[in-house]
Structures are given as C-alpha cells and as structure tokens.
Amino acid sequence: MQLQPSDIIASLALITSLFSIWIQDRGVRKQLLVTNIGEYTRRYQEIILNLPKSVIFDDFNLASLEVEEQDRILRYMWIYFDLCYEEYSIYTDLRLINKKLWKRWKSGIISSFSRPAFQQSWYLISQNTTYPEHFVDFIHSIIENQTLKNKKFLSA
C-alpha cells in the first residue's frame, strides 16, 4: 500500500493542529497561574494593610493591647494563616505550583513568623482551628527555627 499525498497532508494537518492546541493550552495555563498569583498577592496586601504597623516590631505584645484591637488583629491574622495554609496546600497536596513559586511564598511565611505578633497570634488561633497536622508541624518548625536563630544571635 502506497501513501497518497492526501494522507500525508491530512497527517501534517493533524500534527499541526495538535501542536497548536498544545501551545494554546500552555498559554492558558500560564495566564491562569499569573491571575491566581495576582489574587493571592492582592489578598496578602489587603491583610497587611489592615494590620497595625506595630505587628512588625520585635517588642510587640498582643496581651498589652485593648480587647478590641486584639480582636481586630486576630481576625486578620486568622485570615493570613488561612492564606498560608492555602498556599502550603497548593504546593504540597495539590502540586499546582512549581518549587520556585513555593520558595517565594515559603520565604514570606518564614519572614512573617519571625515576628512576635505572628507567633503570638498563631498560638492563640491554632488552638481554635483544625488545620491539618502536617501544616501545624510546618508552622511550628518555622517558629522553632526562628527561636533558635534568635538565641544564637542574642548569645553572640
């Protein structure tokens, strides 16, 4: 059996169509990822803008604040912790993002949890939530590492 020119043309058209679909799919996936990253960034910025500047200070003490201010801070911290869990879950459970993006998000989480406000809030909020144990362990390991770094810095 000999190949007809029409068979060759049809095969080339099929290959070209499949390649075109693959390229479009990659573009759509990339655009969705960019949109989702933008949404997570927007949510993070909204949370941070609603927290007082004092949350970044090393001498922050949640217990020293008035009850209304504590409640306001804890409400936004809870939203932030939920956001952290979503990011963690998107990487570890769903595997929807690559290591490079996760490294950036993880770096931000580590930075936040280096602050006493986030640690104090975590200990209060985590007692009233049901985050999965692997996420709780992840956060506790960050806090423990920060505590060790602080001890080394203070003893140097």
N, C-alpha and C. Protein backbone atom coordinates (compact mmCIF):
# COMPACT_ATOMS: atom_id res chain seq x y z
N MET A 1 0.84 -1.18 0.00
CA MET A 1 0.00 0.00 0.00
C MET A 1 0.88 1.24 0.00
N GLN A 2 0.57 2.13 -0.85
CA GLN A 2 1.36 3.34 -1.02
C GLN A 2 0.61 4.52 -0.41
N LEU A 3 1.39 5.39 0.28
CA LEU A 3 0.80 6.60 0.86
C LEU A 3 0.39 7.55 -0.24
N GLN A 4 -0.79 8.07 -0.08
CA GLN A 4 -1.31 9.06 -1.01
C GLN A 4 -0.93 10.46 -0.50
N PRO A 5 -0.75 11.41 -1.38
CA PRO A 5 -0.45 12.78 -0.96
C PRO A 5 -1.50 13.32 0.01
N SER A 6 -2.74 12.95 -0.19
CA SER A 6 -3.80 13.43 0.70
C SER A 6 -3.62 12.88 2.12
N ASP A 7 -3.10 11.64 2.25
CA ASP A 7 -2.84 11.06 3.57
C ASP A 7 -1.72 11.83 4.28
N ILE A 8 -0.70 12.18 3.53
CA ILE A 8 0.42 12.93 4.10
C ILE A 8 -0.05 14.31 4.55
N ILE A 9 -0.84 14.96 3.70
CA ILE A 9 -1.36 16.29 4.03
C ILE A 9 -2.26 16.22 5.27
N ALA A 10 -3.11 15.21 5.34
CA ALA A 10 -4.01 15.05 6.48
C ALA A 10 -3.21 14.81 7.76
N SER A 11 -2.16 13.99 7.67
CA SER A 11 -1.31 13.72 8.84
C SER A 11 -0.61 14.99 9.30
N LEU A 12 -0.07 15.75 8.36
CA LEU A 12 0.59 17.01 8.71
C LEU A 12 -0.39 18.00 9.32
N ALA A 13 -1.60 18.05 8.81
CA ALA A 13 -2.62 18.95 9.35
C ALA A 13 -2.98 18.55 10.78
N LEU A 14 -3.07 17.24 11.02
CA LEU A 14 -3.39 16.74 12.36
C LEU A 14 -2.26 17.11 13.33
N ILE A 15 -1.02 16.88 12.93
CA ILE A 15 0.12 17.20 13.78
C ILE A 15 0.16 18.70 14.08
N THR A 16 -0.06 19.50 13.06
CA THR A 16 -0.07 20.96 13.23
C THR A 16 -1.18 21.38 14.19
N SER A 17 -2.34 20.79 14.05
CA SER A 17 -3.48 21.12 14.92
C SER A 17 -3.18 20.74 16.37
N LEU A 18 -2.65 19.55 16.57
CA LEU A 18 -2.31 19.10 17.93
C LEU A 18 -1.25 20.00 18.57
N PHE A 19 -0.25 20.39 17.79
CA PHE A 19 0.79 21.28 18.28
C PHE A 19 0.20 22.64 18.66
N SER A 20 -0.69 23.14 17.82
CA SER A 20 -1.34 24.42 18.08
C SER A 20 -2.17 24.37 19.36
N ILE A 21 -2.91 23.29 19.56
CA ILE A 21 -3.71 23.11 20.78
C ILE A 21 -2.80 23.05 22.00
N TRP A 22 -1.69 22.35 21.89
CA TRP A 22 -0.74 22.24 23.00
C TRP A 22 -0.18 23.62 23.36
N ILE A 23 0.20 24.41 22.38
CA ILE A 23 0.74 25.75 22.60
C ILE A 23 -0.33 26.63 23.27
N GLN A 24 -1.56 26.58 22.79
CA GLN A 24 -2.64 27.38 23.37
C GLN A 24 -2.91 26.96 24.82
N ASP A 25 -2.88 25.67 25.07
CA ASP A 25 -3.12 25.15 26.42
C ASP A 25 -2.04 25.67 27.37
N ARG A 26 -0.80 25.65 26.94
CA ARG A 26 0.30 26.17 27.78
C ARG A 26 0.08 27.65 28.08
N GLY A 27 -0.33 28.41 27.08
CA GLY A 27 -0.58 29.84 27.27
C GLY A 27 -1.72 30.10 28.24
N VAL A 28 -2.79 29.33 28.12
CA VAL A 28 -3.94 29.48 29.02
C VAL A 28 -3.53 29.12 30.44
N ARG A 29 -2.80 28.02 30.60
CA ARG A 29 -2.35 27.61 31.93
C ARG A 29 -1.46 28.67 32.57
N LYS A 30 -0.57 29.24 31.78
CA LYS A 30 0.33 30.28 32.28
C LYS A 30 -0.48 31.51 32.70
N GLN A 31 -1.45 31.89 31.90
CA GLN A 31 -2.27 33.05 32.22
C GLN A 31 -3.09 32.81 33.49
N LEU A 32 -3.63 31.60 33.66
CA LEU A 32 -4.37 31.27 34.88
C LEU A 32 -3.47 31.35 36.10
N LEU A 33 -2.24 30.86 35.96
CA LEU A 33 -1.29 30.91 37.07
C LEU A 33 -0.99 32.35 37.45
N VAL A 34 -0.74 33.19 36.47
CA VAL A 34 -0.47 34.61 36.73
C VAL A 34 -1.66 35.26 37.41
N THR A 35 -2.86 34.97 36.94
CA THR A 35 -4.07 35.52 37.55
C THR A 35 -4.20 35.07 39.00
N ASN A 36 -3.97 33.78 39.25
CA ASN A 36 -4.09 33.26 40.62
C ASN A 36 -3.03 33.86 41.54
N ILE A 37 -1.81 34.00 41.05
CA ILE A 37 -0.75 34.60 41.85
C ILE A 37 -1.13 36.04 42.18
N GLY A 38 -1.66 36.75 41.21
CA GLY A 38 -2.12 38.12 41.45
C GLY A 38 -3.20 38.18 42.52
N GLU A 39 -4.10 37.21 42.51
CA GLU A 39 -5.17 37.17 43.51
C GLU A 39 -4.59 36.91 44.90
N TYR A 40 -3.65 36.00 45.02
CA TYR A 40 -3.03 35.73 46.31
C TYR A 40 -2.26 36.95 46.81
N THR A 41 -1.59 37.64 45.90
CA THR A 41 -0.86 38.85 46.27
C THR A 41 -1.83 39.93 46.75
N ARG A 42 -2.95 40.08 46.05
CA ARG A 42 -3.96 41.07 46.45
C ARG A 42 -4.50 40.75 47.84
N ARG A 43 -4.81 39.49 48.09
CA ARG A 43 -5.33 39.09 49.40
C ARG A 43 -4.31 39.37 50.50
N TYR A 44 -3.05 39.04 50.24
CA TYR A 44 -1.99 39.28 51.22
C TYR A 44 -1.88 40.79 51.52
N GLN A 45 -1.87 41.60 50.48
CA GLN A 45 -1.76 43.05 50.67
C GLN A 45 -2.93 43.60 51.48
N GLU A 46 -4.12 43.10 51.22
CA GLU A 46 -5.30 43.56 51.96
C GLU A 46 -5.16 43.23 53.44
N ILE A 47 -4.68 42.04 53.75
CA ILE A 47 -4.49 41.64 55.14
C ILE A 47 -3.47 42.55 55.81
N ILE A 48 -2.32 42.72 55.18
CA ILE A 48 -1.24 43.52 55.77
C ILE A 48 -1.67 44.97 55.95
N LEU A 49 -2.41 45.51 55.00
CA LEU A 49 -2.88 46.90 55.12
C LEU A 49 -3.85 47.09 56.28
N ASN A 50 -4.51 46.01 56.71
CA ASN A 50 -5.46 46.10 57.81
C ASN A 50 -4.86 45.77 59.17
N LEU A 51 -3.59 45.45 59.19
CA LEU A 51 -2.90 45.21 60.46
C LEU A 51 -2.15 46.48 60.85
N PRO A 52 -2.06 46.76 62.15
CA PRO A 52 -1.30 47.94 62.57
C PRO A 52 0.20 47.75 62.32
N LYS A 53 0.90 48.84 62.15
CA LYS A 53 2.33 48.80 61.91
C LYS A 53 3.07 48.10 63.05
N SER A 54 2.51 48.14 64.23
CA SER A 54 3.17 47.56 65.41
C SER A 54 3.41 46.06 65.29
N VAL A 55 2.72 45.38 64.37
CA VAL A 55 2.91 43.93 64.25
C VAL A 55 4.31 43.57 63.74
N ILE A 56 5.04 44.52 63.20
CA ILE A 56 6.39 44.21 62.72
C ILE A 56 7.46 44.46 63.77
N PHE A 57 7.09 45.04 64.91
CA PHE A 57 8.07 45.36 65.94
C PHE A 57 8.42 44.14 66.78
N ASP A 58 9.68 44.06 67.17
CA ASP A 58 10.15 42.93 67.97
C ASP A 58 9.60 42.92 69.39
N ASP A 59 9.13 44.08 69.87
CA ASP A 59 8.60 44.14 71.23
C ASP A 59 7.07 44.07 71.26
N PHE A 60 6.46 43.63 70.17
CA PHE A 60 5.00 43.52 70.09
C PHE A 60 4.50 42.57 71.17
N ASN A 61 3.42 43.00 71.84
CA ASN A 61 2.80 42.16 72.86
C ASN A 61 1.29 42.26 72.71
N LEU A 62 0.71 41.23 72.17
CA LEU A 62 -0.73 41.22 71.90
C LEU A 62 -1.53 41.43 73.19
N ALA A 63 -1.09 40.83 74.28
CA ALA A 63 -1.82 40.91 75.54
C ALA A 63 -1.87 42.33 76.10
N SER A 64 -0.95 43.19 75.70
CA SER A 64 -0.91 44.56 76.23
C SER A 64 -1.90 45.49 75.52
N LEU A 65 -2.53 45.01 74.46
CA LEU A 65 -3.45 45.84 73.69
C LEU A 65 -4.88 45.75 74.24
N GLU A 66 -5.70 46.75 73.91
CA GLU A 66 -7.10 46.70 74.30
C GLU A 66 -7.79 45.54 73.57
N VAL A 67 -8.84 45.04 74.15
CA VAL A 67 -9.53 43.86 73.64
C VAL A 67 -9.99 44.06 72.19
N GLU A 68 -10.52 45.24 71.87
CA GLU A 68 -10.99 45.50 70.51
C GLU A 68 -9.84 45.40 69.50
N GLU A 69 -8.68 45.95 69.88
CA GLU A 69 -7.52 45.91 68.99
C GLU A 69 -7.00 44.48 68.86
N GLN A 70 -7.00 43.73 69.95
CA GLN A 70 -6.61 42.32 69.90
C GLN A 70 -7.51 41.56 68.94
N ASP A 71 -8.82 41.76 69.07
CA ASP A 71 -9.79 41.06 68.22
C ASP A 71 -9.56 41.40 66.75
N ARG A 72 -9.33 42.67 66.46
CA ARG A 72 -9.10 43.11 65.08
C ARG A 72 -7.85 42.45 64.50
N ILE A 73 -6.78 42.47 65.28
CA ILE A 73 -5.52 41.86 64.83
C ILE A 73 -5.71 40.35 64.63
N LEU A 74 -6.34 39.70 65.57
CA LEU A 74 -6.53 38.25 65.47
C LEU A 74 -7.41 37.86 64.28
N ARG A 75 -8.39 38.70 63.98
CA ARG A 75 -9.25 38.42 62.83
C ARG A 75 -8.43 38.40 61.54
N TYR A 76 -7.57 39.40 61.36
CA TYR A 76 -6.74 39.45 60.16
C TYR A 76 -5.62 38.41 60.18
N MET A 77 -5.12 38.11 61.35
CA MET A 77 -4.10 37.05 61.44
C MET A 77 -4.71 35.71 61.03
N TRP A 78 -5.93 35.47 61.47
CA TRP A 78 -6.61 34.22 61.12
C TRP A 78 -6.76 34.12 59.61
N ILE A 79 -7.14 35.20 58.98
CA ILE A 79 -7.26 35.22 57.52
C ILE A 79 -5.89 34.96 56.88
N TYR A 80 -4.85 35.57 57.45
CA TYR A 80 -3.50 35.35 56.93
C TYR A 80 -3.08 33.89 57.08
N PHE A 81 -3.35 33.28 58.23
CA PHE A 81 -2.99 31.88 58.43
C PHE A 81 -3.74 30.97 57.46
N ASP A 82 -5.00 31.29 57.20
CA ASP A 82 -5.75 30.53 56.20
C ASP A 82 -5.12 30.66 54.82
N LEU A 83 -4.67 31.87 54.49
CA LEU A 83 -3.98 32.10 53.21
C LEU A 83 -2.70 31.28 53.15
N CYS A 84 -1.94 31.27 54.24
CA CYS A 84 -0.71 30.46 54.30
C CYS A 84 -1.03 28.98 54.08
N TYR A 85 -2.11 28.52 54.72
CA TYR A 85 -2.49 27.12 54.55
C TYR A 85 -2.86 26.83 53.10
N GLU A 86 -3.59 27.72 52.47
CA GLU A 86 -3.95 27.53 51.06
C GLU A 86 -2.69 27.41 50.20
N GLU A 87 -1.75 28.33 50.41
CA GLU A 87 -0.50 28.31 49.64
C GLU A 87 0.26 27.00 49.88
N TYR A 88 0.36 26.62 51.14
CA TYR A 88 1.03 25.37 51.51
C TYR A 88 0.36 24.18 50.84
N SER A 89 -0.95 24.16 50.89
CA SER A 89 -1.72 23.06 50.33
C SER A 89 -1.62 23.01 48.81
N ILE A 90 -1.60 24.16 48.17
CA ILE A 90 -1.47 24.22 46.71
C ILE A 90 -0.15 23.59 46.27
N TYR A 91 0.88 23.75 47.10
CA TYR A 91 2.19 23.17 46.76
C TYR A 91 2.29 21.71 47.20
N THR A 92 1.99 21.42 48.46
CA THR A 92 2.25 20.08 48.99
C THR A 92 1.20 19.05 48.62
N ASP A 93 -0.06 19.42 48.68
CA ASP A 93 -1.14 18.46 48.44
C ASP A 93 -1.58 18.42 46.98
N LEU A 94 -1.82 19.59 46.41
CA LEU A 94 -2.36 19.65 45.05
C LEU A 94 -1.29 19.69 43.97
N ARG A 95 -0.09 20.13 44.35
CA ARG A 95 1.06 20.21 43.43
C ARG A 95 0.72 21.03 42.17
N LEU A 96 0.12 22.20 42.42
CA LEU A 96 -0.29 23.05 41.31
C LEU A 96 0.71 24.16 41.00
N ILE A 97 1.71 24.33 41.86
CA ILE A 97 2.73 25.34 41.61
C ILE A 97 4.11 24.70 41.64
N ASN A 98 5.07 25.38 41.04
CA ASN A 98 6.41 24.84 40.98
C ASN A 98 7.22 25.22 42.23
N LYS A 99 8.40 24.65 42.35
CA LYS A 99 9.26 24.89 43.52
C LYS A 99 9.69 26.34 43.62
N LYS A 100 9.89 26.99 42.51
CA LYS A 100 10.35 28.38 42.51
C LYS A 100 9.31 29.29 43.16
N LEU A 101 8.04 29.15 42.78
CA LEU A 101 6.98 29.96 43.39
C LEU A 101 6.81 29.59 44.86
N TRP A 102 6.83 28.30 45.15
CA TRP A 102 6.68 27.88 46.54
C TRP A 102 7.82 28.45 47.39
N LYS A 103 9.01 28.49 46.87
CA LYS A 103 10.15 29.05 47.62
C LYS A 103 9.89 30.51 48.00
N ARG A 104 9.30 31.27 47.08
CA ARG A 104 8.96 32.67 47.37
C ARG A 104 7.88 32.77 48.44
N TRP A 105 6.83 31.98 48.27
CA TRP A 105 5.75 32.02 49.25
C TRP A 105 6.26 31.56 50.62
N LYS A 106 7.04 30.50 50.66
CA LYS A 106 7.57 29.99 51.92
C LYS A 106 8.46 31.03 52.58
N SER A 107 9.26 31.71 51.80
CA SER A 107 10.12 32.77 52.33
C SER A 107 9.29 33.85 53.01
N GLY A 108 8.16 34.22 52.41
CA GLY A 108 7.27 35.21 53.00
C GLY A 108 6.66 34.72 54.30
N ILE A 109 6.28 33.44 54.33
CA ILE A 109 5.71 32.86 55.55
C ILE A 109 6.76 32.86 56.66
N ILE A 110 7.97 32.46 56.33
CA ILE A 110 9.06 32.44 57.31
C ILE A 110 9.32 33.85 57.84
N SER A 111 9.33 34.82 56.94
CA SER A 111 9.54 36.21 57.34
C SER A 111 8.46 36.67 58.31
N SER A 112 7.21 36.37 57.99
CA SER A 112 6.11 36.77 58.87
C SER A 112 6.23 36.13 60.24
N PHE A 113 6.51 34.84 60.25
CA PHE A 113 6.58 34.13 61.52
C PHE A 113 7.86 34.41 62.31
N SER A 114 8.72 35.25 61.77
CA SER A 114 9.88 35.69 62.55
C SER A 114 9.46 36.81 63.50
N ARG A 115 8.26 37.33 63.33
CA ARG A 115 7.75 38.43 64.15
C ARG A 115 6.91 37.90 65.32
N PRO A 116 7.13 38.46 66.51
CA PRO A 116 6.35 38.03 67.68
C PRO A 116 4.84 38.13 67.50
N ALA A 117 4.36 39.13 66.78
CA ALA A 117 2.91 39.28 66.58
C ALA A 117 2.32 38.05 65.91
N PHE A 118 3.01 37.53 64.91
CA PHE A 118 2.50 36.37 64.18
C PHE A 118 2.60 35.11 65.04
N GLN A 119 3.68 34.99 65.80
CA GLN A 119 3.84 33.83 66.67
C GLN A 119 2.78 33.83 67.77
N GLN A 120 2.60 34.98 68.43
CA GLN A 120 1.60 35.08 69.50
C GLN A 120 0.20 34.78 68.96
N SER A 121 -0.10 35.34 67.81
CA SER A 121 -1.41 35.12 67.21
C SER A 121 -1.60 33.66 66.81
N TRP A 122 -0.54 33.05 66.29
CA TRP A 122 -0.62 31.65 65.88
C TRP A 122 -0.97 30.76 67.07
N TYR A 123 -0.31 30.98 68.20
CA TYR A 123 -0.56 30.13 69.36
C TYR A 123 -2.00 30.25 69.85
N LEU A 124 -2.57 31.43 69.74
CA LEU A 124 -3.97 31.60 70.14
C LEU A 124 -4.93 30.99 69.10
N ILE A 125 -4.70 31.31 67.85
CA ILE A 125 -5.62 30.87 66.79
C ILE A 125 -5.53 29.37 66.55
N SER A 126 -4.33 28.82 66.57
CA SER A 126 -4.18 27.39 66.27
C SER A 126 -4.87 26.51 67.30
N GLN A 127 -5.13 27.04 68.48
CA GLN A 127 -5.87 26.28 69.49
C GLN A 127 -7.36 26.21 69.18
N ASN A 128 -7.81 27.09 68.29
CA ASN A 128 -9.23 27.16 67.96
C ASN A 128 -9.54 26.79 66.52
N THR A 129 -8.59 26.16 65.86
CA THR A 129 -8.79 25.75 64.47
C THR A 129 -8.44 24.28 64.31
N THR A 130 -8.73 23.78 63.13
CA THR A 130 -8.42 22.39 62.84
C THR A 130 -7.58 22.29 61.58
N TYR A 131 -6.47 23.02 61.55
CA TYR A 131 -5.55 22.87 60.42
C TYR A 131 -4.99 21.45 60.45
N PRO A 132 -4.69 20.89 59.28
CA PRO A 132 -4.09 19.55 59.25
C PRO A 132 -2.76 19.53 60.01
N GLU A 133 -2.48 18.40 60.59
CA GLU A 133 -1.29 18.26 61.44
C GLU A 133 0.00 18.59 60.69
N HIS A 134 0.09 18.21 59.42
CA HIS A 134 1.33 18.49 58.68
C HIS A 134 1.54 19.99 58.48
N PHE A 135 0.46 20.76 58.37
CA PHE A 135 0.59 22.21 58.27
C PHE A 135 0.99 22.80 59.62
N VAL A 136 0.37 22.33 60.68
CA VAL A 136 0.72 22.80 62.03
C VAL A 136 2.19 22.50 62.30
N ASP A 137 2.65 21.31 61.94
CA ASP A 137 4.07 20.96 62.12
C ASP A 137 4.97 21.88 61.31
N PHE A 138 4.56 22.21 60.10
CA PHE A 138 5.32 23.11 59.24
C PHE A 138 5.49 24.47 59.92
N ILE A 139 4.40 25.04 60.43
CA ILE A 139 4.46 26.34 61.08
C ILE A 139 5.30 26.25 62.36
N HIS A 140 5.09 25.21 63.15
CA HIS A 140 5.86 25.07 64.39
C HIS A 140 7.36 24.93 64.10
N SER A 141 7.71 24.26 63.03
CA SER A 141 9.14 24.14 62.68
C SER A 141 9.72 25.50 62.31
N ILE A 142 8.94 26.34 61.64
CA ILE A 142 9.39 27.69 61.30
C ILE A 142 9.62 28.49 62.58
N ILE A 143 8.66 28.43 63.50
CA ILE A 143 8.77 29.18 64.75
C ILE A 143 9.97 28.68 65.56
N GLU A 144 10.15 27.37 65.63
CA GLU A 144 11.29 26.81 66.36
C GLU A 144 12.62 27.26 65.75
N ASN A 145 12.71 27.26 64.42
CA ASN A 145 13.93 27.71 63.76
C ASN A 145 14.19 29.19 64.05
N GLN A 146 13.15 30.00 64.08
CA GLN A 146 13.30 31.42 64.38
C GLN A 146 13.77 31.60 65.83
N THR A 147 13.23 30.80 66.74
CA THR A 147 13.62 30.88 68.14
C THR A 147 15.09 30.51 68.30
N LEU A 148 15.54 29.46 67.60
CA LEU A 148 16.95 29.06 67.65
C LEU A 148 17.85 30.15 67.10
N LYS A 149 17.45 30.76 65.98
CA LYS A 149 18.24 31.85 65.39
C LYS A 149 18.35 33.02 66.35
N ASN A 150 17.23 33.35 67.02
CA ASN A 150 17.24 34.46 67.96
C ASN A 150 18.15 34.18 69.15
N LYS A 151 18.14 32.93 69.63
CA LYS A 151 19.01 32.57 70.77
C LYS A 151 20.47 32.67 70.37
N LYS A 152 20.81 32.19 69.18
CA LYS A 152 22.19 32.28 68.70
C LYS A 152 22.62 33.73 68.54
N PHE A 153 21.71 34.56 68.02
CA PHE A 153 22.02 35.98 67.80
C PHE A 153 22.24 36.68 69.14
N LEU A 154 21.38 36.38 70.13
CA LEU A 154 21.50 37.04 71.43
C LEU A 154 22.71 36.57 72.23
N SER A 155 23.14 35.32 71.99
CA SER A 155 24.29 34.81 72.75
C SER A 155 25.62 35.15 72.09
N ALA A 156 25.58 35.67 70.87
CA ALA A 156 26.82 36.00 70.15
C ALA A 156 27.42 37.30 70.63
